[in-house]
């Protein structure tokens, strides 16, 4: 469980990886760890794992959920 948590904390969108694949992996790990997808901390972790050029654009729109960001 500790290894799974560390893996979640270091999860980032890989070079060439689509947002959809990153989102699927993020949600899968959240479910395994029992982390709420609706918390502001989880949203910030999700956004923080995206490529920097996406992160800056997304923050301008002030999203309130992962669903909002992934669309």
Protein backbone atom coordinates (compact mmCIF):
# COMPACT_ATOMS: atom_id res chain seq x y z
CA UNK A 1 0.00 0.00 0.00
CA UNK A 2 2.87 2.35 0.83
CA UNK A 3 4.45 1.68 -2.57
CA UNK A 4 1.12 2.33 -4.31
CA UNK A 5 0.79 5.67 -2.48
CA UNK A 6 4.32 6.69 -3.47
CA UNK A 7 3.58 5.72 -7.06
CA UNK A 8 0.44 7.89 -6.99
CA UNK A 9 2.31 10.85 -5.52
CA UNK A 10 4.90 10.74 -8.30
CA UNK A 11 2.45 10.12 -11.16
CA UNK A 12 2.97 12.53 -14.08
CA UNK A 13 1.85 12.63 -17.67
CA UNK A 14 4.61 10.99 -19.69
CA UNK A 15 6.10 12.42 -22.87
CA UNK A 16 3.82 11.45 -25.75
CA UNK A 17 1.09 10.22 -23.39
CA UNK A 18 -2.41 11.51 -24.10
CA UNK A 19 -4.46 13.29 -21.44
CA UNK A 20 -7.00 10.45 -21.69
CA UNK A 21 -4.43 7.79 -20.82
CA UNK A 22 -3.02 9.90 -17.97
CA UNK A 23 -6.56 10.46 -16.66
CA UNK A 24 -7.37 6.74 -16.79
CA UNK A 25 -4.19 5.88 -14.90
CA UNK A 26 -4.83 8.61 -12.33
CA UNK A 27 -8.40 7.44 -11.69
CA UNK A 28 -7.32 3.80 -11.50
CA UNK A 29 -4.73 4.58 -8.84
CA UNK A 30 -7.20 6.76 -6.92
CA UNK A 31 -9.69 3.88 -6.80
CA UNK A 32 -7.05 1.42 -5.64
CA UNK A 33 -5.99 3.76 -2.83
CA UNK A 34 -9.52 4.87 -1.96
CA UNK A 35 -8.74 8.54 -2.63
CA UNK A 36 -11.70 10.82 -3.27
CA UNK A 37 -11.75 12.23 -6.80
CA UNK A 38 -13.85 15.16 -5.60
CA UNK A 39 -11.39 16.74 -3.18
CA UNK A 40 -9.54 19.96 -4.06
CA UNK A 41 -6.23 18.30 -3.14
CA UNK A 42 -6.82 15.50 -5.63
CA UNK A 43 -7.70 18.03 -8.34
CA UNK A 44 -4.46 19.92 -7.67
CA UNK A 45 -2.47 16.67 -7.78
CA UNK A 46 -4.11 15.77 -11.10
CA UNK A 47 -3.37 19.18 -12.64
CA UNK A 48 0.16 19.14 -11.23
CA UNK A 49 0.87 15.87 -13.04
CA UNK A 50 -0.03 17.26 -16.46
CA UNK A 51 2.53 18.71 -18.88
CA UNK A 52 3.46 22.26 -17.90
CA UNK A 53 1.97 23.88 -21.01
CA UNK A 54 -1.40 22.26 -20.20
CA UNK A 55 -1.15 23.10 -16.51
CA UNK A 56 -0.82 26.84 -17.14
CA UNK A 57 -3.74 26.92 -19.57
CA UNK A 58 -6.00 24.87 -17.29
CA UNK A 59 -5.31 27.01 -14.23
CA UNK A 60 -6.52 30.10 -16.15
CA UNK A 61 -9.99 28.50 -16.36
CA UNK A 62 -10.15 27.84 -12.59
CA UNK A 63 -11.58 24.29 -12.83
CA UNK A 64 -13.47 22.71 -9.96
CA UNK A 65 -13.33 19.02 -10.95
CA UNK A 66 -11.18 16.47 -12.75
CA UNK A 67 -14.02 15.93 -15.24
CA UNK A 68 -13.91 19.62 -16.13
CA UNK A 69 -10.17 19.47 -16.73
CA UNK A 70 -10.09 16.23 -18.71
CA UNK A 71 -12.70 17.48 -21.18
